[in-house]
Amino acid sequence: MAQSIRRVLVLDDANPRRTKTCELVEREGYVTVGVSDVRTAVDALDDDVPTVLVYDVSAPRSWREVTAENTLLRTLIDGRCPVVLYGDRPPVEFSALERAAQSAAHISSDDGGLRLLALLRRLLPPVVERPTAPVPPHAGIDSELSRVRLLLVDESEYTLEVTQARLSAVGFDVRIAVAIGEIRSIVTHWAPNIIVADVRRADLSAAEFVAQLKATTPRRDMVVVLSSNLPEPELRRLASTAGADAHVSKSDGIETYVASLRALGKRLHHAGPPRSVSPRATSKGPRV
């Protein structure tokens, strides 16, 4: 049952605003539960339904009040689901609240909720449709890859969606993310085997980016792969210097890119339970 439901908890003490947010999210096919206080929200998490909690922190609620609730929320939820801060608040305050709450993201409501819906599609897994009759495997799908969880990271949502479709078509189980908070939440709740991240970031250097990716989990078996349109020698040097486990170039086209990741995925599949990446492989930054 849990596989066929995607749930969004909307935490907001203003009834009309909470109802509006619930109606917006329900139009996208999610089940919503509107709650007015933190403890009621936490009580709703006593099952295995994939859930995101949307917490409206709109002004004029005081900074002190919101910060106190954030602390309580983080303590009680204890990593059980991603938390998204939402509403109408100055950007500087939003960023500070996200850091304090260790939330997945903060999203302004000034666009009518469009960015919120896009984020929910990234954070919540797709509904699994159960076929009524056996369906023959697609000619391009590799069944060995279906157990390999791959997280794509890029600042371009369009690029992410196109690449996700291509990698899903060959058999990967793929999720996508843009911001570090999203990555942290997806790693915590989904445990990918591979993170493939485009090295171009406006906010972080390659080394800082890799460090933050690896800091999202204490696990040593998650492979971090840097990708880029940079020439192969330059990308290899960059990946090695940044401490990535591997690199894959986009400069030879999408088919070569997909084939490289496919080869890595098959190696992980045949290796059985993922093992720690060796220091030698990490230091040399091998090409996939």
C-alpha atoms as a PDB file:
ATOM      1  CA  MET A   1       0.000   0.000   0.000  1.00  0.00           C
ATOM      2  CA  ALA A   2       2.792   2.387   0.888  1.00  0.00           C
ATOM      3  CA  GLN A   3       4.257   2.062  -2.603  1.00  0.00           C
ATOM      4  CA  SER A   4       1.076   3.415  -4.202  1.00  0.00           C
ATOM      5  CA  ILE A   5       0.913   6.558  -2.028  1.00  0.00           C
ATOM      6  CA  ARG A   6       3.055   9.678  -1.971  1.00  0.00           C
ATOM      7  CA  ARG A   7       2.170  11.880   0.971  1.00  0.00           C
ATOM      8  CA  VAL A   8       2.836  15.510   1.788  1.00  0.00           C
ATOM      9  CA  LEU A   9       2.346  16.814   5.321  1.00  0.00           C
ATOM     10  CA  VAL A  10       1.582  20.537   5.319  1.00  0.00           C
ATOM     11  CA  LEU A  11       2.459  22.152   8.654  1.00  0.00           C
ATOM     12  CA  ASP A  12       0.924  25.613   8.931  1.00  0.00           C
ATOM     13  CA  ASP A  13      -0.965  27.279  11.773  1.00  0.00           C
ATOM     14  CA  ALA A  14      -2.961  29.500   9.380  1.00  0.00           C
ATOM     15  CA  ASN A  15      -5.991  27.504   8.233  1.00  0.00           C
ATOM     16  CA  PRO A  16      -6.786  29.289   4.928  1.00  0.00           C
ATOM     17  CA  ARG A  17      -3.129  29.236   3.813  1.00  0.00           C
ATOM     18  CA  ARG A  18      -2.757  25.576   4.815  1.00  0.00           C
ATOM     19  CA  THR A  19      -5.850  24.647   2.827  1.00  0.00           C
ATOM     20  CA  LYS A  20      -4.543  26.502  -0.228  1.00  0.00           C
ATOM     21  CA  THR A  21      -1.202  24.663  -0.088  1.00  0.00           C
ATOM     22  CA  CYS A  22      -2.926  21.293   0.352  1.00  0.00           C
ATOM     23  CA  GLU A  23      -5.156  21.935  -2.660  1.00  0.00           C
ATOM     24  CA  LEU A  24      -2.134  22.928  -4.764  1.00  0.00           C
ATOM     25  CA  VAL A  25      -0.262  19.736  -3.870  1.00  0.00           C
ATOM     26  CA  GLU A  26      -3.299  17.467  -4.244  1.00  0.00           C
ATOM     27  CA  ARG A  27      -3.725  18.588  -7.873  1.00  0.00           C
ATOM     28  CA  GLU A  28      -0.368  16.909  -8.545  1.00  0.00           C
ATOM     29  CA  GLY A  29      -1.680  13.574  -7.272  1.00  0.00           C
ATOM     30  CA  TYR A  30      -0.233  13.586  -3.761  1.00  0.00           C
ATOM     31  CA  VAL A  31      -2.132  12.646  -0.631  1.00  0.00           C
ATOM     32  CA  THR A  32      -1.997  15.580   1.779  1.00  0.00           C
ATOM     33  CA  VAL A  33      -2.412  15.885   5.524  1.00  0.00           C
ATOM     34  CA  GLY A  34      -2.783  19.390   6.899  1.00  0.00           C
ATOM     35  CA  VAL A  35      -1.655  19.945  10.474  1.00  0.00           C
ATOM     36  CA  SER A  36      -1.326  23.027  12.663  1.00  0.00           C
ATOM     37  CA  ASP A  37       1.388  21.993  15.131  1.00  0.00           C
ATOM     38  CA  VAL A  38       4.678  20.119  15.193  1.00  0.00           C
ATOM     39  CA  ARG A  39       3.657  17.221  17.428  1.00  0.00           C
ATOM     40  CA  THR A  40       0.615  16.382  15.287  1.00  0.00           C
ATOM     41  CA  ALA A  41       2.870  16.334  12.223  1.00  0.00           C
ATOM     42  CA  VAL A  42       5.274  13.924  13.918  1.00  0.00           C
ATOM     43  CA  ASP A  43       2.414  11.622  14.993  1.00  0.00           C
ATOM     44  CA  ALA A  44       1.447  11.257  11.320  1.00  0.00           C
ATOM     45  CA  LEU A  45       4.828   9.681  10.497  1.00  0.00           C
ATOM     46  CA  ASP A  46       4.195   6.364  12.264  1.00  0.00           C
ATOM     47  CA  ASP A  47       4.110   4.321   9.043  1.00  0.00           C
ATOM     48  CA  ASP A  48       6.284   3.659   5.985  1.00  0.00           C
ATOM     49  CA  VAL A  49       4.463   5.898   3.494  1.00  0.00           C
ATOM     50  CA  PRO A  50       7.001   8.008   1.524  1.00  0.00           C
ATOM     51  CA  THR A  51       6.492  11.514   2.904  1.00  0.00           C
ATOM     52  CA  VAL A  52       7.771  15.074   2.637  1.00  0.00           C
ATOM     53  CA  LEU A  53       6.895  17.632   5.303  1.00  0.00           C
ATOM     54  CA  VAL A  54       6.235  21.144   3.985  1.00  0.00           C
ATOM     55  CA  TYR A  55       6.581  23.646   6.829  1.00  0.00           C
ATOM     56  CA  ASP A  56       5.189  27.121   6.161  1.00  0.00           C
ATOM     57  CA  VAL A  57       7.373  29.709   7.917  1.00  0.00           C
ATOM     58  CA  SER A  58       5.804  32.813   6.374  1.00  0.00           C
ATOM     59  CA  ALA A  59       6.096  36.193   8.044  1.00  0.00           C
ATOM     60  CA  PRO A  60       4.809  37.825  10.240  1.00  0.00           C
ATOM     61  CA  ARG A  61       5.707  34.881  12.496  1.00  0.00           C
ATOM     62  CA  SER A  62       8.695  35.949  14.567  1.00  0.00           C
ATOM     63  CA  TRP A  63      12.198  34.661  13.930  1.00  0.00           C
ATOM     64  CA  ARG A  64      12.388  33.359  17.524  1.00  0.00           C
ATOM     65  CA  GLU A  65       9.120  31.448  17.213  1.00  0.00           C
ATOM     66  CA  VAL A  66      10.061  29.810  13.923  1.00  0.00           C
ATOM     67  CA  THR A  67      13.559  28.924  15.151  1.00  0.00           C
ATOM     68  CA  ALA A  68      12.170  27.274  18.280  1.00  0.00           C
ATOM     69  CA  GLU A  69       9.697  25.219  16.248  1.00  0.00           C
ATOM     70  CA  ASN A  70      12.466  24.260  13.816  1.00  0.00           C
ATOM     71  CA  THR A  71      14.562  22.922  16.678  1.00  0.00           C
ATOM     72  CA  LEU A  72      11.645  20.929  18.058  1.00  0.00           C
ATOM     73  CA  LEU A  73      10.777  19.617  14.588  1.00  0.00           C
ATOM     74  CA  ARG A  74      14.332  18.447  13.879  1.00  0.00           C
ATOM     75  CA  THR A  75      14.503  16.694  17.268  1.00  0.00           C
ATOM     76  CA  LEU A  76      11.171  14.903  16.976  1.00  0.00           C
ATOM     77  CA  ILE A  77      11.384  13.917  13.302  1.00  0.00           C
ATOM     78  CA  ASP A  78      14.957  12.665  13.706  1.00  0.00           C
ATOM     79  CA  GLY A  79      15.558  12.218   9.976  1.00  0.00           C
ATOM     80  CA  ARG A  80      12.384  10.236   9.268  1.00  0.00           C
ATOM     81  CA  CYS A  81      11.392  12.408   6.288  1.00  0.00           C
ATOM     82  CA  PRO A  82      12.666  15.405   4.302  1.00  0.00           C
ATOM     83  CA  VAL A  83      11.535  18.812   5.563  1.00  0.00           C
ATOM     84  CA  VAL A  84      10.951  21.705   3.136  1.00  0.00           C
ATOM     85  CA  LEU A  85      10.635  25.257   4.449  1.00  0.00           C
ATOM     86  CA  TYR A  86       8.027  27.155   2.446  1.00  0.00           C
ATOM     87  CA  GLY A  87       6.281  30.504   2.367  1.00  0.00           C
ATOM     88  CA  ASP A  88       6.876  34.230   2.229  1.00  0.00           C
ATOM     89  CA  ARG A  89      10.032  35.283   4.058  1.00  0.00           C
ATOM     90  CA  PRO A  90      13.182  37.331   3.239  1.00  0.00           C
ATOM     91  CA  PRO A  91      15.803  35.194   1.392  1.00  0.00           C
ATOM     92  CA  VAL A  92      18.514  35.767   4.024  1.00  0.00           C
ATOM     93  CA  GLU A  93      16.228  34.530   6.807  1.00  0.00           C
ATOM     94  CA  PHE A  94      15.144  31.564   4.681  1.00  0.00           C
ATOM     95  CA  SER A  95      18.755  30.477   4.152  1.00  0.00           C
ATOM     96  CA  ALA A  96      19.582  30.796   7.845  1.00  0.00           C
ATOM     97  CA  LEU A  97      16.485  28.801   8.831  1.00  0.00           C
ATOM     98  CA  GLU A  98      17.380  26.041   6.350  1.00  0.00           C
ATOM     99  CA  ARG A  99      20.832  25.692   7.874  1.00  0.00           C
ATOM    100  CA  ALA A 100      19.442  25.689  11.419  1.00  0.00           C
ATOM    101  CA  ALA A 101      16.767  23.106  10.613  1.00  0.00           C
ATOM    102  CA  GLN A 102      18.997  21.025   8.303  1.00  0.00           C
ATOM    103  CA  SER A 103      16.039  20.977   5.935  1.00  0.00           C
ATOM    104  CA  ALA A 104      16.051  19.703   2.364  1.00  0.00           C
ATOM    105  CA  ALA A 105      15.418  23.148   0.896  1.00  0.00           C
ATOM    106  CA  HIS A 106      13.640  26.453   1.303  1.00  0.00           C
ATOM    107  CA  ILE A 107      11.146  27.499  -1.338  1.00  0.00           C
ATOM    108  CA  SER A 108       9.440  30.863  -1.679  1.00  0.00           C
ATOM    109  CA  SER A 109       5.716  30.846  -2.386  1.00  0.00           C
ATOM    110  CA  ASP A 110       5.963  33.927  -4.608  1.00  0.00           C
ATOM    111  CA  ASP A 111       5.538  31.878  -7.825  1.00  0.00           C
ATOM    112  CA  GLY A 112       2.288  30.251  -6.757  1.00  0.00           C
ATOM    113  CA  GLY A 113       3.962  27.013  -5.676  1.00  0.00           C
ATOM    114  CA  LEU A 114       5.561  25.957  -8.987  1.00  0.00           C
ATOM    115  CA  ARG A 115       9.046  25.528  -7.494  1.00  0.00           C
ATOM    116  CA  LEU A 116       7.567  23.634  -4.559  1.00  0.00           C
ATOM    117  CA  LEU A 117       5.896  21.137  -6.910  1.00  0.00           C
ATOM    118  CA  ALA A 118       9.128  20.683  -8.880  1.00  0.00           C
ATOM    119  CA  LEU A 119      11.010  19.975  -5.641  1.00  0.00           C
ATOM    120  CA  LEU A 120       8.402  17.469  -4.446  1.00  0.00           C
ATOM    121  CA  ARG A 121       8.788  15.525  -7.691  1.00  0.00           C
ATOM    122  CA  ARG A 122      12.508  15.201  -6.936  1.00  0.00           C
ATOM    123  CA  LEU A 123      12.158  14.279  -3.262  1.00  0.00           C
ATOM    124  CA  LEU A 124       9.287  11.789  -3.456  1.00  0.00           C
ATOM    125  CA  PRO A 125       9.664   8.479  -5.302  1.00  0.00           C
ATOM    126  CA  PRO A 126       7.337   7.782  -8.216  1.00  0.00           C
ATOM    127  CA  VAL A 127       4.210   5.752  -7.657  1.00  0.00           C
ATOM    128  CA  VAL A 128       4.844   2.112  -8.530  1.00  0.00           C
ATOM    129  CA  GLU A 129       2.143   0.915 -10.885  1.00  0.00           C
ATOM    130  CA  ARG A 130       1.466  -2.810 -10.651  1.00  0.00           C
ATOM    131  CA  PRO A 131       0.895  -4.264 -14.165  1.00  0.00           C
ATOM    132  CA  THR A 132      -2.209  -6.421 -14.632  1.00  0.00           C
ATOM    133  CA  ALA A 133      -0.290  -8.858 -16.865  1.00  0.00           C
ATOM    134  CA  PRO A 134       3.391  -9.755 -17.284  1.00  0.00           C
ATOM    135  CA  VAL A 135       5.205  -7.183 -19.372  1.00  0.00           C
ATOM    136  CA  PRO A 136       8.198  -8.331 -21.484  1.00  0.00           C
ATOM    137  CA  PRO A 137      11.450  -6.469 -20.756  1.00  0.00           C
ATOM    138  CA  HIS A 138      12.180  -3.450 -22.909  1.00  0.00           C
ATOM    139  CA  ALA A 139      14.863  -4.178 -25.474  1.00  0.00           C
ATOM    140  CA  GLY A 140      17.145  -1.457 -24.081  1.00  0.00           C
ATOM    141  CA  ILE A 141      16.693  -2.209 -20.366  1.00  0.00           C
ATOM    142  CA  ASP A 142      19.414  -4.065 -18.502  1.00  0.00           C
ATOM    143  CA  SER A 143      17.858  -5.983 -15.598  1.00  0.00           C
ATOM    144  CA  GLU A 144      21.199  -5.993 -13.742  1.00  0.00           C
ATOM    145  CA  LEU A 145      20.942  -2.213 -13.346  1.00  0.00           C
ATOM    146  CA  SER A 146      17.508  -2.187 -11.719  1.00  0.00           C
ATOM    147  CA  ARG A 147      19.083  -2.653  -8.268  1.00  0.00           C
ATOM    148  CA  VAL A 148      21.603   0.153  -8.783  1.00  0.00           C
ATOM    149  CA  ARG A 149      20.403   3.444  -7.299  1.00  0.00           C
ATOM    150  CA  LEU A 150      21.865   6.443  -9.086  1.00  0.00           C
ATOM    151  CA  LEU A 151      21.457  10.052  -7.959  1.00  0.00           C
ATOM    152  CA  LEU A 152      22.025  12.713 -10.623  1.00  0.00           C
ATOM    153  CA  VAL A 153      23.064  16.186  -9.465  1.00  0.00           C
ATOM    154  CA  ASP A 154      23.085  19.262 -11.691  1.00  0.00           C
ATOM    155  CA  GLU A 155      22.089  22.917 -11.418  1.00  0.00           C
ATOM    156  CA  SER A 156      20.035  22.613 -14.627  1.00  0.00           C
ATOM    157  CA  GLU A 157      16.668  20.975 -13.986  1.00  0.00           C
ATOM    158  CA  TYR A 158      16.142  20.506 -17.728  1.00  0.00           C
ATOM    159  CA  THR A 159      19.440  18.616 -18.071  1.00  0.00           C
ATOM    160  CA  LEU A 160      18.540  16.478 -15.066  1.00  0.00           C
ATOM    161  CA  GLU A 161      15.167  15.469 -16.469  1.00  0.00           C
ATOM    162  CA  VAL A 162      16.556  14.619 -19.908  1.00  0.00           C
ATOM    163  CA  THR A 163      19.447  12.593 -18.466  1.00  0.00           C
ATOM    164  CA  GLN A 164      17.189  10.867 -15.944  1.00  0.00           C
ATOM    165  CA  ALA A 165      14.917   9.683 -18.759  1.00  0.00           C
ATOM    166  CA  ARG A 166      17.882   8.337 -20.741  1.00  0.00           C
ATOM    167  CA  LEU A 167      19.443   6.465 -17.798  1.00  0.00           C
ATOM    168  CA  SER A 168      16.071   5.097 -16.664  1.00  0.00           C
ATOM    169  CA  ALA A 169      15.558   3.746 -20.174  1.00  0.00           C
ATOM    170  CA  VAL A 170      18.580   1.450 -19.826  1.00  0.00           C
ATOM    171  CA  GLY A 171      17.503   0.176 -16.408  1.00  0.00           C
ATOM    172  CA  PHE A 172      18.927   2.433 -13.677  1.00  0.00           C
ATOM    173  CA  ASP A 173      16.812   3.413 -10.675  1.00  0.00           C
ATOM    174  CA  VAL A 174      17.367   7.185 -10.933  1.00  0.00           C
ATOM    175  CA  ARG A 175      16.597  10.175  -8.739  1.00  0.00           C
ATOM    176  CA  ILE A 176      17.623  13.791  -9.334  1.00  0.00           C
ATOM    177  CA  ALA A 177      18.632  16.736  -7.127  1.00  0.00           C
ATOM    178  CA  VAL A 178      19.836  20.320  -7.446  1.00  0.00           C
ATOM    179  CA  ALA A 179      20.697  21.781  -4.025  1.00  0.00           C
ATOM    180  CA  ILE A 180      22.873  20.326  -1.256  1.00  0.00           C
ATOM    181  CA  GLY A 181      19.875  20.093   1.078  1.00  0.00           C
ATOM    182  CA  GLU A 182      17.989  17.966  -1.459  1.00  0.00           C
ATOM    183  CA  ILE A 183      21.036  15.743  -1.927  1.00  0.00           C
ATOM    184  CA  ARG A 184      21.363  15.263   1.830  1.00  0.00           C
ATOM    185  CA  SER A 185      17.707  14.281   2.201  1.00  0.00           C
ATOM    186  CA  ILE A 186      17.738  11.877  -0.743  1.00  0.00           C
ATOM    187  CA  VAL A 187      20.954  10.207   0.435  1.00  0.00           C
ATOM    188  CA  THR A 188      19.508   9.820   3.940  1.00  0.00           C
ATOM    189  CA  HIS A 189      16.170   8.371   2.866  1.00  0.00           C
ATOM    190  CA  TRP A 190      17.075   6.547  -0.362  1.00  0.00           C
ATOM    191  CA  ALA A 191      20.754   5.473   0.017  1.00  0.00           C
ATOM    192  CA  PRO A 192      22.018   5.693  -3.582  1.00  0.00           C
ATOM    193  CA  ASN A 193      24.923   3.520  -4.718  1.00  0.00           C
ATOM    194  CA  ILE A 194      26.255   6.208  -7.066  1.00  0.00           C
ATOM    195  CA  ILE A 195      26.113  10.003  -7.132  1.00  0.00           C
ATOM    196  CA  VAL A 196      26.885  11.481 -10.551  1.00  0.00           C
ATOM    197  CA  ALA A 197      27.412  15.215 -10.204  1.00  0.00           C
ATOM    198  CA  ASP A 198      28.143  17.848 -12.824  1.00  0.00           C
ATOM    199  CA  VAL A 199      31.233  19.680 -11.635  1.00  0.00           C
ATOM    200  CA  ARG A 200      29.979  23.125 -12.664  1.00  0.00           C
ATOM    201  CA  ARG A 201      28.518  24.849  -9.605  1.00  0.00           C
ATOM    202  CA  ALA A 202      28.008  28.550  -9.054  1.00  0.00           C
ATOM    203  CA  ASP A 203      28.268  28.147  -5.278  1.00  0.00           C
ATOM    204  CA  LEU A 204      31.092  25.631  -4.708  1.00  0.00           C
ATOM    205  CA  SER A 205      34.472  24.587  -6.064  1.00  0.00           C
ATOM    206  CA  ALA A 206      34.889  20.986  -7.227  1.00  0.00           C
ATOM    207  CA  ALA A 207      36.764  20.017  -4.057  1.00  0.00           C
ATOM    208  CA  GLU A 208      34.173  21.674  -1.781  1.00  0.00           C
ATOM    209  CA  PHE A 209      31.387  20.008  -3.750  1.00  0.00           C
ATOM    210  CA  VAL A 210      32.874  16.512  -3.460  1.00  0.00           C
ATOM    211  CA  ALA A 211      33.537  17.045   0.247  1.00  0.00           C
ATOM    212  CA  GLN A 212      29.910  18.034   0.838  1.00  0.00           C
ATOM    213  CA  LEU A 213      28.622  15.090  -1.206  1.00  0.00           C
ATOM    214  CA  LYS A 214      30.680  12.637   0.848  1.00  0.00           C
ATOM    215  CA  ALA A 215      29.661  14.361   4.080  1.00  0.00           C
ATOM    216  CA  THR A 216      25.989  13.567   3.399  1.00  0.00           C
ATOM    217  CA  THR A 217      26.464  10.030   4.742  1.00  0.00           C
ATOM    218  CA  PRO A 218      28.847   8.099   6.998  1.00  0.00           C
ATOM    219  CA  ARG A 219      28.752   5.204   4.511  1.00  0.00           C
ATOM    220  CA  ARG A 220      31.994   4.415   2.702  1.00  0.00           C
ATOM    221  CA  ASP A 221      30.353   2.439  -0.093  1.00  0.00           C
ATOM    222  CA  MET A 222      28.758   5.314  -2.016  1.00  0.00           C
ATOM    223  CA  VAL A 223      30.634   6.159  -5.221  1.00  0.00           C
ATOM    224  CA  VAL A 224      30.936   9.852  -6.144  1.00  0.00           C
ATOM    225  CA  VAL A 225      31.442  10.458  -9.868  1.00  0.00           C
ATOM    226  CA  LEU A 226      32.190  13.882 -11.350  1.00  0.00           C
ATOM    227  CA  SER A 227      30.946  14.612 -14.865  1.00  0.00           C
ATOM    228  CA  SER A 228      31.442  17.514 -17.235  1.00  0.00           C
ATOM    229  CA  ASN A 229      31.819  18.601 -20.861  1.00  0.00           C
ATOM    230  CA  LEU A 230      35.445  19.458 -20.086  1.00  0.00           C
ATOM    231  CA  PRO A 231      38.118  17.662 -22.155  1.00  0.00           C
ATOM    232  CA  GLU A 232      38.988  14.259 -20.695  1.00  0.00           C
ATOM    233  CA  PRO A 233      42.503  15.154 -19.418  1.00  0.00           C
ATOM    234  CA  GLU A 234      41.225  18.278 -17.667  1.00  0.00           C
ATOM    235  CA  LEU A 235      38.277  16.444 -16.085  1.00  0.00           C
ATOM    236  CA  ARG A 236      40.571  13.613 -14.931  1.00  0.00           C
ATOM    237  CA  ARG A 237      42.892  16.067 -13.183  1.00  0.00           C
ATOM    238  CA  LEU A 238      39.970  17.933 -11.647  1.00  0.00           C
ATOM    239  CA  ALA A 239      38.325  14.742 -10.324  1.00  0.00           C
ATOM    240  CA  SER A 240      41.620  13.507  -8.866  1.00  0.00           C
ATOM    241  CA  THR A 241      42.345  16.828  -7.151  1.00  0.00           C
ATOM    242  CA  ALA A 242      38.791  17.082  -5.786  1.00  0.00           C
ATOM    243  CA  GLY A 243      38.863  13.575  -4.290  1.00  0.00           C
ATOM    244  CA  ALA A 244      36.129  12.041  -6.463  1.00  0.00           C
ATOM    245  CA  ASP A 245      35.993   8.249  -6.791  1.00  0.00           C
ATOM    246  CA  ALA A 246      35.673   8.389 -10.571  1.00  0.00           C
ATOM    247  CA  HIS A 247      34.845  10.679 -13.484  1.00  0.00           C
ATOM    248  CA  VAL A 248      32.856  10.377 -16.689  1.00  0.00           C
ATOM    249  CA  SER A 249      33.076  12.845 -19.545  1.00  0.00           C
ATOM    250  CA  LYS A 250      30.090  14.216 -21.436  1.00  0.00           C
ATOM    251  CA  SER A 251      32.294  15.534 -24.242  1.00  0.00           C
ATOM    252  CA  ASP A 252      31.889  12.390 -26.387  1.00  0.00           C
ATOM    253  CA  GLY A 253      28.097  12.569 -26.436  1.00  0.00           C
ATOM    254  CA  ILE A 254      25.183  11.128 -24.478  1.00  0.00           C
ATOM    255  CA  GLU A 255      25.566   7.541 -25.731  1.00  0.00           C
ATOM    256  CA  THR A 256      29.184   7.274 -24.562  1.00  0.00           C
ATOM    257  CA  TYR A 257      28.212   8.925 -21.269  1.00  0.00           C
ATOM    258  CA  VAL A 258      25.389   6.425 -20.697  1.00  0.00           C
ATOM    259  CA  ALA A 259      27.609   3.493 -21.705  1.00  0.00           C
ATOM    260  CA  SER A 260      30.262   4.553 -19.165  1.00  0.00           C
ATOM    261  CA  LEU A 261      27.737   4.758 -16.331  1.00  0.00           C
ATOM    262  CA  ARG A 262      26.182   1.492 -17.452  1.00  0.00           C
ATOM    263  CA  ALA A 263      29.568  -0.228 -17.162  1.00  0.00           C
ATOM    264  CA  LEU A 264      30.055   1.183 -13.653  1.00  0.00           C
ATOM    265  CA  GLY A 265      26.559   0.093 -12.619  1.00  0.00           C
ATOM    266  CA  LYS A 266      27.156  -3.455 -13.843  1.00  0.00           C
ATOM    267  CA  ARG A 267      30.434  -3.650 -11.946  1.00  0.00           C
ATOM    268  CA  LEU A 268      28.652  -2.611  -8.753  1.00  0.00           C
ATOM    269  CA  HIS A 269      25.918  -5.175  -9.406  1.00  0.00           C
ATOM    270  CA  HIS A 270      28.371  -8.044  -9.887  1.00  0.00           C
ATOM    271  CA  ALA A 271      30.401  -6.963  -6.863  1.00  0.00           C
ATOM    272  CA  GLY A 272      27.432  -7.857  -4.628  1.00  0.00           C
ATOM    273  CA  PRO A 273      27.070  -5.755  -1.467  1.00  0.00           C
ATOM    274  CA  PRO A 274      28.885  -2.441  -2.111  1.00  0.00           C
ATOM    275  CA  ARG A 275      32.378  -2.227  -0.665  1.00  0.00           C
ATOM    276  CA  SER A 276      34.401   0.759   0.434  1.00  0.00           C
ATOM    277  CA  VAL A 277      36.242   2.568  -2.341  1.00  0.00           C
ATOM    278  CA  SER A 278      39.956   1.945  -2.008  1.00  0.00           C
ATOM    279  CA  PRO A 279      42.271   4.869  -1.171  1.00  0.00           C
ATOM    280  CA  ARG A 280      44.235   4.160  -4.342  1.00  0.00           C
ATOM    281  CA  ALA A 281      41.162   4.452  -6.573  1.00  0.00           C
ATOM    282  CA  THR A 282      40.079   7.624  -4.798  1.00  0.00           C
ATOM    283  CA  SER A 283      43.468   9.296  -5.052  1.00  0.00           C
ATOM    284  CA  LYS A 284      43.890   8.602  -8.749  1.00  0.00           C
ATOM    285  CA  GLY A 285      40.351   9.524  -9.701  1.00  0.00           C
ATOM    286  CA  PRO A 286      39.923   6.713 -12.281  1.00  0.00           C
ATOM    287  CA  ARG A 287      37.819   7.229 -15.313  1.00  0.00           C
ATOM    288  CA  VAL A 288      34.656   5.135 -15.461  1.00  0.00           C
END
